């Protein structure tokens, strides 16, 4: 890998990177963020529950128990996505 200029990336780091890229895509293409809640949850679980994606990783639970309208949930999810992509990728882990 080193001779190709590639480095090893942990599952946690890769999941955080994928979550951020997915968030960027959802926002840039004006997609429904609620329809991706399970995707974020799977990334969160597979990465070992990193704090960096905890809020989006728990979004599906929030949807299930929330006493909010769909519009309110979408606005909340959009806020979480914006927060995720604004977060510095070098933040400390757990």
PDB file of N, CA and C in Angstrom:
ATOM      1  N   UNK A   1       0.808  -1.193   0.000  1.00  0.00           N
ATOM      2  CA  UNK A   1       0.000   0.000   0.000  1.00  0.00           C
ATOM      3  C   UNK A   1       0.851   1.256   0.000  1.00  0.00           C
ATOM      4  N   UNK A   2       1.942   1.222   0.766  1.00  0.00           N
ATOM      5  CA  UNK A   2       2.783   2.406   0.890  1.00  0.00           C
ATOM      6  C   UNK A   2       3.371   2.817  -0.448  1.00  0.00           C
ATOM      7  N   UNK A   3       3.776   1.837  -1.262  1.00  0.00           N
ATOM      8  CA  UNK A   3       4.373   2.183  -2.555  1.00  0.00           C
ATOM      9  C   UNK A   3       3.374   2.841  -3.491  1.00  0.00           C
ATOM     10  N   UNK A   4       2.108   2.613  -3.282  1.00  0.00           N
ATOM     11  CA  UNK A   4       1.071   3.253  -4.094  1.00  0.00           C
ATOM     12  C   UNK A   4       0.635   4.590  -3.494  1.00  0.00           C
ATOM     13  N   UNK A   5       1.236   4.961  -2.369  1.00  0.00           N
ATOM     14  CA  UNK A   5       0.868   6.220  -1.723  1.00  0.00           C
ATOM     15  C   UNK A   5      -0.396   6.122  -0.895  1.00  0.00           C
ATOM     16  N   UNK A   6      -0.807   4.900  -0.588  1.00  0.00           N
ATOM     17  CA  UNK A   6      -2.022   4.692   0.194  1.00  0.00           C
ATOM     18  C   UNK A   6      -1.663   4.469   1.658  1.00  0.00           C
ATOM     19  N   UNK A   7      -2.542   4.864   2.526  1.00  0.00           N
ATOM     20  CA  UNK A   7      -2.341   4.631   3.946  1.00  0.00           C
ATOM     21  C   UNK A   7      -3.537   3.866   4.501  1.00  0.00           C
ATOM     22  N   UNK A   8      -3.312   3.212   5.620  1.00  0.00           N
ATOM     23  CA  UNK A   8      -4.392   2.470   6.279  1.00  0.00           C
ATOM     24  C   UNK A   8      -5.334   3.450   6.985  1.00  0.00           C
ATOM     25  N   UNK A   9      -6.619   3.186   6.901  1.00  0.00           N
ATOM     26  CA  UNK A   9      -7.618   4.009   7.576  1.00  0.00           C
ATOM     27  C   UNK A   9      -8.470   3.093   8.444  1.00  0.00           C
ATOM     28  N   UNK A  10      -8.690   3.493   9.669  1.00  0.00           N
ATOM     29  CA  UNK A  10      -9.519   2.691  10.560  1.00  0.00           C
ATOM     30  C   UNK A  10     -10.968   2.694  10.092  1.00  0.00           C
ATOM     31  N   UNK A  11     -11.705   1.706  10.542  1.00  0.00           N
ATOM     32  CA  UNK A  11     -13.133   1.624  10.226  1.00  0.00           C
ATOM     33  C   UNK A  11     -13.859   2.869  10.731  1.00  0.00           C
ATOM     34  N   UNK A  12     -13.472   3.325  11.911  1.00  0.00           N
ATOM     35  CA  UNK A  12     -14.098   4.526  12.481  1.00  0.00           C
ATOM     36  C   UNK A  12     -13.851   5.740  11.597  1.00  0.00           C
ATOM     37  N   UNK A  13     -12.597   5.970  11.219  1.00  0.00           N
ATOM     38  CA  UNK A  13     -12.281   7.123  10.379  1.00  0.00           C
ATOM     39  C   UNK A  13     -12.972   7.039   9.022  1.00  0.00           C
ATOM     40  N   UNK A  14     -13.002   5.848   8.453  1.00  0.00           N
ATOM     41  CA  UNK A  14     -13.663   5.668   7.164  1.00  0.00           C
ATOM     42  C   UNK A  14     -15.163   5.927   7.275  1.00  0.00           C
ATOM     43  N   UNK A  15     -15.780   5.446   8.330  1.00  0.00           N
ATOM     44  CA  UNK A  15     -17.223   5.656   8.521  1.00  0.00           C
ATOM     45  C   UNK A  15     -17.554   7.126   8.701  1.00  0.00           C
ATOM     46  N   UNK A  16     -16.715   7.829   9.436  1.00  0.00           N
ATOM     47  CA  UNK A  16     -16.928   9.269   9.627  1.00  0.00           C
ATOM     48  C   UNK A  16     -16.794   9.995   8.293  1.00  0.00           C
ATOM     49  N   UNK A  17     -15.796   9.615   7.520  1.00  0.00           N
ATOM     50  CA  UNK A  17     -15.598  10.245   6.207  1.00  0.00           C
ATOM     51  C   UNK A  17     -16.781   9.963   5.291  1.00  0.00           C
ATOM     52  N   UNK A  18     -17.253   8.721   5.264  1.00  0.00           N
ATOM     53  CA  UNK A  18     -18.402   8.363   4.427  1.00  0.00           C
ATOM     54  C   UNK A  18     -19.652   9.107   4.894  1.00  0.00           C
ATOM     55  N   UNK A  19     -19.853   9.209   6.200  1.00  0.00           N
ATOM     56  CA  UNK A  19     -21.017   9.929   6.731  1.00  0.00           C
ATOM     57  C   UNK A  19     -20.990  11.392   6.298  1.00  0.00           C
ATOM     58  N   UNK A  20     -19.821  12.010   6.349  1.00  0.00           N
ATOM     59  CA  UNK A  20     -19.710  13.415   5.928  1.00  0.00           C
ATOM     60  C   UNK A  20     -19.973  13.576   4.433  1.00  0.00           C
ATOM     61  N   UNK A  21     -19.452  12.654   3.648  1.00  0.00           N
ATOM     62  CA  UNK A  21     -19.690  12.725   2.206  1.00  0.00           C
ATOM     63  C   UNK A  21     -21.168  12.502   1.878  1.00  0.00           C
ATOM     64  N   UNK A  22     -21.802  11.578   2.583  1.00  0.00           N
ATOM     65  CA  UNK A  22     -23.227  11.344   2.382  1.00  0.00           C
ATOM     66  C   UNK A  22     -24.026  12.585   2.770  1.00  0.00           C
ATOM     67  N   UNK A  23     -23.658  13.214   3.869  1.00  0.00           N
ATOM     68  CA  UNK A  23     -24.337  14.442   4.297  1.00  0.00           C
ATOM     69  C   UNK A  23     -24.192  15.538   3.227  1.00  0.00           C
ATOM     70  N   UNK A  24     -23.001  15.688   2.685  1.00  0.00           N
ATOM     71  CA  UNK A  24     -22.786  16.694   1.626  1.00  0.00           C
ATOM     72  C   UNK A  24     -23.667  16.409   0.413  1.00  0.00           C
ATOM     73  N   UNK A  25     -23.744  15.141   0.029  1.00  0.00           N
ATOM     74  CA  UNK A  25     -24.565  14.761  -1.127  1.00  0.00           C
ATOM     75  C   UNK A  25     -26.046  15.042  -0.870  1.00  0.00           C
ATOM     76  N   UNK A  26     -26.526  14.671   0.288  1.00  0.00           N
ATOM     77  CA  UNK A  26     -27.936  14.901   0.634  1.00  0.00           C
ATOM     78  C   UNK A  26     -28.263  16.382   0.544  1.00  0.00           C
ATOM     79  N   UNK A  27     -27.387  17.202   1.100  1.00  0.00           N
ATOM     80  CA  UNK A  27     -27.632  18.643   1.089  1.00  0.00           C
ATOM     81  C   UNK A  27     -27.481  19.248  -0.297  1.00  0.00           C
ATOM     82  N   UNK A  28     -26.459  18.844  -1.030  1.00  0.00           N
ATOM     83  CA  UNK A  28     -26.222  19.448  -2.349  1.00  0.00           C
ATOM     84  C   UNK A  28     -27.283  19.058  -3.370  1.00  0.00           C
ATOM     85  N   UNK A  29     -27.863  17.858  -3.204  1.00  0.00           N
ATOM     86  CA  UNK A  29     -28.881  17.391  -4.143  1.00  0.00           C
ATOM     87  C   UNK A  29     -30.298  17.583  -3.614  1.00  0.00           C
ATOM     88  N   UNK A  30     -30.421  18.250  -2.471  1.00  0.00           N
ATOM     89  CA  UNK A  30     -31.725  18.510  -1.846  1.00  0.00           C
ATOM     90  C   UNK A  30     -32.548  17.229  -1.674  1.00  0.00           C
ATOM     91  N   UNK A  31     -31.887  16.179  -1.197  1.00  0.00           N
ATOM     92  CA  UNK A  31     -32.561  14.909  -0.954  1.00  0.00           C
ATOM     93  C   UNK A  31     -33.222  14.923   0.424  1.00  0.00           C
ATOM     94  N   UNK A  32     -34.141  14.013   0.638  1.00  0.00           N
ATOM     95  CA  UNK A  32     -34.824  13.913   1.924  1.00  0.00           C
ATOM     96  C   UNK A  32     -33.873  13.275   2.942  1.00  0.00           C
ATOM     97  N   UNK A  33     -33.407  14.031   3.936  1.00  0.00           N
ATOM     98  CA  UNK A  33     -32.441  13.472   4.885  1.00  0.00           C
ATOM     99  C   UNK A  33     -33.009  12.334   5.730  1.00  0.00           C
ATOM    100  N   UNK A  34     -34.316  12.306   5.909  1.00  0.00           N
ATOM    101  CA  UNK A  34     -34.927  11.252   6.726  1.00  0.00           C
ATOM    102  C   UNK A  34     -34.815   9.882   6.059  1.00  0.00           C
ATOM    103  N   UNK A  35     -34.781   9.871   4.743  1.00  0.00           N
ATOM    104  CA  UNK A  35     -34.700   8.590   4.044  1.00  0.00           C
ATOM    105  C   UNK A  35     -33.310   7.952   4.144  1.00  0.00           C
ATOM    106  N   UNK A  36     -32.342   8.677   4.699  1.00  0.00           N
ATOM    107  CA  UNK A  36     -30.987   8.156   4.858  1.00  0.00           C
ATOM    108  C   UNK A  36     -30.654   7.836   6.318  1.00  0.00           C
ATOM    109  N   UNK A  37     -31.641   7.908   7.194  1.00  0.00           N
ATOM    110  CA  UNK A  37     -31.398   7.692   8.618  1.00  0.00           C
ATOM    111  C   UNK A  37     -30.809   6.307   8.893  1.00  0.00           C
ATOM    112  N   UNK A  38     -31.302   5.286   8.230  1.00  0.00           N
ATOM    113  CA  UNK A  38     -30.782   3.924   8.427  1.00  0.00           C
ATOM    114  C   UNK A  38     -29.332   3.802   7.935  1.00  0.00           C
ATOM    115  N   UNK A  39     -28.993   4.522   6.876  1.00  0.00           N
ATOM    116  CA  UNK A  39     -27.620   4.501   6.364  1.00  0.00           C
ATOM    117  C   UNK A  39     -26.655   5.065   7.400  1.00  0.00           C
ATOM    118  N   UNK A  40     -27.035   6.194   7.999  1.00  0.00           N
ATOM    119  CA  UNK A  40     -26.193   6.789   9.040  1.00  0.00           C
ATOM    120  C   UNK A  40     -26.112   5.873  10.261  1.00  0.00           C
ATOM    121  N   UNK A  41     -27.227   5.237  10.590  1.00  0.00           N
ATOM    122  CA  UNK A  41     -27.235   4.328  11.728  1.00  0.00           C
ATOM    123  C   UNK A  41     -26.256   3.166  11.505  1.00  0.00           C
ATOM    124  N   UNK A  42     -26.256   2.599  10.309  1.00  0.00           N
ATOM    125  CA  UNK A  42     -25.351   1.493  10.006  1.00  0.00           C
ATOM    126  C   UNK A  42     -23.888   1.925  10.075  1.00  0.00           C
ATOM    127  N   UNK A  43     -23.580   3.105   9.561  1.00  0.00           N
ATOM    128  CA  UNK A  43     -22.209   3.625   9.662  1.00  0.00           C
ATOM    129  C   UNK A  43     -21.807   3.786  11.129  1.00  0.00           C
ATOM    130  N   UNK A  44     -22.709   4.317  11.905  1.00  0.00           N
ATOM    131  CA  UNK A  44     -22.474   4.552  13.334  1.00  0.00           C
ATOM    132  C   UNK A  44     -22.196   3.233  14.071  1.00  0.00           C
ATOM    133  N   UNK A  45     -23.001   2.240  13.811  1.00  0.00           N
ATOM    134  CA  UNK A  45     -22.844   0.940  14.472  1.00  0.00           C
ATOM    135  C   UNK A  45     -21.553   0.257  14.030  1.00  0.00           C
ATOM    136  N   UNK A  46     -21.331   0.194  12.726  1.00  0.00           N
ATOM    137  CA  UNK A  46     -20.144  -0.505  12.202  1.00  0.00           C
ATOM    138  C   UNK A  46     -18.840   0.136  12.653  1.00  0.00           C
ATOM    139  N   UNK A  47     -18.872   1.440  12.908  1.00  0.00           N
ATOM    140  CA  UNK A  47     -17.659   2.147  13.328  1.00  0.00           C
ATOM    141  C   UNK A  47     -17.418   2.049  14.828  1.00  0.00           C
ATOM    142  N   UNK A  48     -18.341   1.438  15.553  1.00  0.00           N
ATOM    143  CA  UNK A  48     -18.163   1.305  16.999  1.00  0.00           C
ATOM    144  C   UNK A  48     -18.689   2.493  17.776  1.00  0.00           C
ATOM    145  N   UNK A  49     -19.683   3.154  17.247  1.00  0.00           N
ATOM    146  CA  UNK A  49     -20.383   4.254  17.919  1.00  0.00           C
ATOM    147  C   UNK A  49     -19.489   5.482  18.187  1.00  0.00           C
ATOM    148  N   UNK A  50     -18.825   5.998  17.160  1.00  0.00           N
ATOM    149  CA  UNK A  50     -17.982   7.182  17.386  1.00  0.00           C
ATOM    150  C   UNK A  50     -18.819   8.428  17.678  1.00  0.00           C
ATOM    151  N   UNK A  51     -18.331   9.220  18.579  1.00  0.00           N
ATOM    152  CA  UNK A  51     -19.015  10.444  18.973  1.00  0.00           C
ATOM    153  C   UNK A  51     -19.211  11.401  17.787  1.00  0.00           C
ATOM    154  N   UNK A  52     -18.271  11.405  16.841  1.00  0.00           N
ATOM    155  CA  UNK A  52     -18.333  12.333  15.709  1.00  0.00           C
ATOM    156  C   UNK A  52     -19.594  12.179  14.870  1.00  0.00           C
ATOM    157  N   UNK A  53     -20.174  10.982  14.840  1.00  0.00           N
ATOM    158  CA  UNK A  53     -21.395  10.775  14.047  1.00  0.00           C
ATOM    159  C   UNK A  53     -22.555  10.279  14.910  1.00  0.00           C
ATOM    160  N   UNK A  54     -22.466  10.508  16.183  1.00  0.00           N
ATOM    161  CA  UNK A  54     -23.493  10.030  17.111  1.00  0.00           C
ATOM    162  C   UNK A  54     -24.875  10.618  16.801  1.00  0.00           C
ATOM    163  N   UNK A  55     -24.934  11.911  16.561  1.00  0.00           N
ATOM    164  CA  UNK A  55     -26.256  12.523  16.337  1.00  0.00           C
ATOM    165  C   UNK A  55     -26.923  12.005  15.073  1.00  0.00           C
ATOM    166  N   UNK A  56     -26.173  11.943  13.959  1.00  0.00           N
ATOM    167  CA  UNK A  56     -26.797  11.417  12.736  1.00  0.00           C
ATOM    168  C   UNK A  56     -26.987   9.915  12.827  1.00  0.00           C
ATOM    169  N   UNK A  57     -26.122   9.236  13.569  1.00  0.00           N
ATOM    170  CA  UNK A  57     -26.254   7.799  13.754  1.00  0.00           C
ATOM    171  C   UNK A  57     -27.475   7.411  14.570  1.00  0.00           C
ATOM    172  N   UNK A  58     -27.941   8.329  15.388  1.00  0.00           N
ATOM    173  CA  UNK A  58     -29.119   8.095  16.234  1.00  0.00           C
ATOM    174  C   UNK A  58     -30.388   8.719  15.654  1.00  0.00           C
ATOM    175  N   UNK A  59     -30.294   9.261  14.463  1.00  0.00           N
ATOM    176  CA  UNK A  59     -31.429   9.949  13.851  1.00  0.00           C
ATOM    177  C   UNK A  59     -32.641   9.041  13.684  1.00  0.00           C
ATOM    178  N   UNK A  60     -32.424   7.793  13.320  1.00  0.00           N
ATOM    179  CA  UNK A  60     -33.553   6.885  13.131  1.00  0.00           C
ATOM    180  C   UNK A  60     -34.331   6.688  14.429  1.00  0.00           C
ATOM    181  N   UNK A  61     -33.623   6.620  15.545  1.00  0.00           N
ATOM    182  CA  UNK A  61     -34.290   6.516  16.850  1.00  0.00           C
ATOM    183  C   UNK A  61     -35.104   7.776  17.134  1.00  0.00           C
ATOM    184  N   UNK A  62     -34.533   8.908  16.821  1.00  0.00           N
ATOM    185  CA  UNK A  62     -35.232  10.185  17.031  1.00  0.00           C
ATOM    186  C   UNK A  62     -36.518  10.236  16.213  1.00  0.00           C
ATOM    187  N   UNK A  63     -36.439   9.770  14.978  1.00  0.00           N
ATOM    188  CA  UNK A  63     -37.620   9.750  14.106  1.00  0.00           C
ATOM    189  C   UNK A  63     -38.705   8.853  14.707  1.00  0.00           C
ATOM    190  N   UNK A  64     -38.289   7.711  15.230  1.00  0.00           N
ATOM    191  CA  UNK A  64     -39.253   6.734  15.766  1.00  0.00           C
ATOM    192  C   UNK A  64     -39.986   7.230  17.003  1.00  0.00           C
ATOM    193  N   UNK A  65     -39.320   8.012  17.834  1.00  0.00           N
ATOM    194  CA  UNK A  65     -39.937   8.420  19.096  1.00  0.00           C
ATOM    195  C   UNK A  65     -40.382   9.879  19.129  1.00  0.00           C
ATOM    196  N   UNK A  66     -40.045  10.622  18.106  1.00  0.00           N
ATOM    197  CA  UNK A  66     -40.322  12.061  18.116  1.00  0.00           C
ATOM    198  C   UNK A  66     -41.804  12.362  17.969  1.00  0.00           C
ATOM    199  N   UNK A  67     -42.209  13.354  18.703  1.00  0.00           N
ATOM    200  CA  UNK A  67     -43.571  13.865  18.571  1.00  0.00           C
ATOM    201  C   UNK A  67     -43.494  15.159  17.764  1.00  0.00           C
ATOM    202  N   UNK A  68     -42.905  15.045  16.586  1.00  0.00           N
ATOM    203  CA  UNK A  68     -42.715  16.201  15.700  1.00  0.00           C
ATOM    204  C   UNK A  68     -43.304  15.881  14.336  1.00  0.00           C
ATOM    205  N   UNK A  69     -43.603  16.932  13.604  1.00  0.00           N
ATOM    206  CA  UNK A  69     -44.099  16.744  12.239  1.00  0.00           C
ATOM    207  C   UNK A  69     -42.946  16.347  11.325  1.00  0.00           C
ATOM    208  N   UNK A  70     -43.287  15.844  10.148  1.00  0.00           N
ATOM    209  CA  UNK A  70     -42.257  15.478   9.164  1.00  0.00           C
ATOM    210  C   UNK A  70     -41.396  16.686   8.810  1.00  0.00           C
ATOM    211  N   UNK A  71     -42.010  17.838   8.652  1.00  0.00           N
ATOM    212  CA  UNK A  71     -41.248  19.047   8.319  1.00  0.00           C
ATOM    213  C   UNK A  71     -40.275  19.414   9.433  1.00  0.00           C
ATOM    214  N   UNK A  72     -40.722  19.279  10.675  1.00  0.00           N
ATOM    215  CA  UNK A  72     -39.833  19.565  11.803  1.00  0.00           C
ATOM    216  C   UNK A  72     -38.684  18.563  11.868  1.00  0.00           C
ATOM    217  N   UNK A  73     -38.984  17.300  11.608  1.00  0.00           N
ATOM    218  CA  UNK A  73     -37.940  16.278  11.600  1.00  0.00           C
ATOM    219  C   UNK A  73     -36.937  16.519  10.481  1.00  0.00           C
ATOM    220  N   UNK A  74     -37.424  16.905   9.301  1.00  0.00           N
ATOM    221  CA  UNK A  74     -36.520  17.205   8.184  1.00  0.00           C
ATOM    222  C   UNK A  74     -35.624  18.388   8.516  1.00  0.00           C
ATOM    223  N   UNK A  75     -36.198  19.412   9.125  1.00  0.00           N
ATOM    224  CA  UNK A  75     -35.405  20.582   9.512  1.00  0.00           C
ATOM    225  C   UNK A  75     -34.354  20.194  10.552  1.00  0.00           C
ATOM    226  N   UNK A  76     -34.733  19.363  11.500  1.00  0.00           N
ATOM    227  CA  UNK A  76     -33.803  18.886  12.521  1.00  0.00           C
ATOM    228  C   UNK A  76     -32.678  18.072  11.882  1.00  0.00           C
ATOM    229  N   UNK A  77     -33.042  17.151  10.982  1.00  0.00           N
ATOM    230  CA  UNK A  77     -32.048  16.320  10.307  1.00  0.00           C
ATOM    231  C   UNK A  77     -31.100  17.175   9.472  1.00  0.00           C
ATOM    232  N   UNK A  78     -31.626  18.164   8.791  1.00  0.00           N
ATOM    233  CA  UNK A  78     -30.791  19.063   7.995  1.00  0.00           C
ATOM    234  C   UNK A  78     -29.800  19.803   8.875  1.00  0.00           C
ATOM    235  N   UNK A  79     -30.242  20.237  10.041  1.00  0.00           N
ATOM    236  CA  UNK A  79     -29.350  20.893  10.993  1.00  0.00           C
ATOM    237  C   UNK A  79     -28.220  19.958  11.421  1.00  0.00           C
ATOM    238  N   UNK A  80     -28.558  18.700  11.671  1.00  0.00           N
ATOM    239  CA  UNK A  80     -27.540  17.722  12.052  1.00  0.00           C
ATOM    240  C   UNK A  80     -26.527  17.505  10.927  1.00  0.00           C
ATOM    241  N   UNK A  81     -27.010  17.446   9.690  1.00  0.00           N
ATOM    242  CA  UNK A  81     -26.108  17.244   8.554  1.00  0.00           C
ATOM    243  C   UNK A  81     -25.174  18.432   8.380  1.00  0.00           C
ATOM    244  N   UNK A  82     -25.714  19.625   8.504  1.00  0.00           N
ATOM    245  CA  UNK A  82     -24.878  20.826   8.400  1.00  0.00           C
ATOM    246  C   UNK A  82     -23.814  20.849   9.496  1.00  0.00           C
ATOM    247  N   UNK A  83     -24.210  20.460  10.679  1.00  0.00           N
ATOM    248  CA  UNK A  83     -23.270  20.402  11.804  1.00  0.00           C
ATOM    249  C   UNK A  83     -22.177  19.364  11.539  1.00  0.00           C
ATOM    250  N   UNK A  84     -22.563  18.224  11.005  1.00  0.00           N
ATOM    251  CA  UNK A  84     -21.608  17.162  10.724  1.00  0.00           C
ATOM    252  C   UNK A  84     -20.555  17.604   9.716  1.00  0.00           C
ATOM    253  N   UNK A  85     -20.977  18.214   8.641  1.00  0.00           N
ATOM    254  CA  UNK A  85     -19.995  18.592   7.616  1.00  0.00           C
ATOM    255  C   UNK A  85     -19.170  19.805   8.032  1.00  0.00           C
ATOM    256  N   UNK A  86     -19.668  20.567   8.997  1.00  0.00           N
ATOM    257  CA  UNK A  86     -18.907  21.720   9.475  1.00  0.00           C
ATOM    258  C   UNK A  86     -17.856  21.331  10.511  1.00  0.00           C
ATOM    259  N   UNK A  87     -17.986  20.120  11.051  1.00  0.00           N
ATOM    260  CA  UNK A  87     -17.077  19.658  12.091  1.00  0.00           C
ATOM    261  C   UNK A  87     -15.704  19.375  11.509  1.00  0.00           C
ATOM    262  N   UNK A  88     -14.697  19.800  12.211  1.00  0.00           N
ATOM    263  CA  UNK A  88     -13.324  19.574  11.778  1.00  0.00           C
ATOM    264  C   UNK A  88     -13.016  18.083  11.814  1.00  0.00           C
ATOM    265  N   UNK A  89     -12.485  17.550  10.729  1.00  0.00           N
ATOM    266  CA  UNK A  89     -12.185  16.122  10.648  1.00  0.00           C
ATOM    267  C   UNK A  89     -11.059  15.698  11.573  1.00  0.00           C
ATOM    268  N   UNK A  90     -10.355  16.639  12.158  1.00  0.00           N
ATOM    269  CA  UNK A  90      -9.261  16.271  13.052  1.00  0.00           C
ATOM    270  C   UNK A  90      -9.676  16.314  14.505  1.00  0.00           C
ATOM    271  N   UNK A  91     -10.985  16.398  14.764  1.00  0.00           N
ATOM    272  CA  UNK A  91     -11.452  16.437  16.160  1.00  0.00           C
ATOM    273  C   UNK A  91     -11.039  15.169  16.891  1.00  0.00           C
ATOM    274  N   UNK A  92     -10.871  15.264  18.196  1.00  0.00           N
ATOM    275  CA  UNK A  92     -10.484  14.074  18.954  1.00  0.00           C
ATOM    276  C   UNK A  92     -11.555  12.999  18.879  1.00  0.00           C
ATOM    277  N   UNK A  93     -11.141  11.759  18.885  1.00  0.00           N
ATOM    278  CA  UNK A  93     -12.072  10.631  18.880  1.00  0.00           C
ATOM    279  C   UNK A  93     -12.546  10.368  20.291  1.00  0.00           C
ATOM    280  N   UNK A  94     -13.749   9.799  20.378  1.00  0.00           N
ATOM    281  CA  UNK A  94     -14.369   9.408  21.650  1.00  0.00           C
ATOM    282  C   UNK A  94     -13.632  10.019  22.785  1.00  0.00           C
TER     283      UNK A  94
END
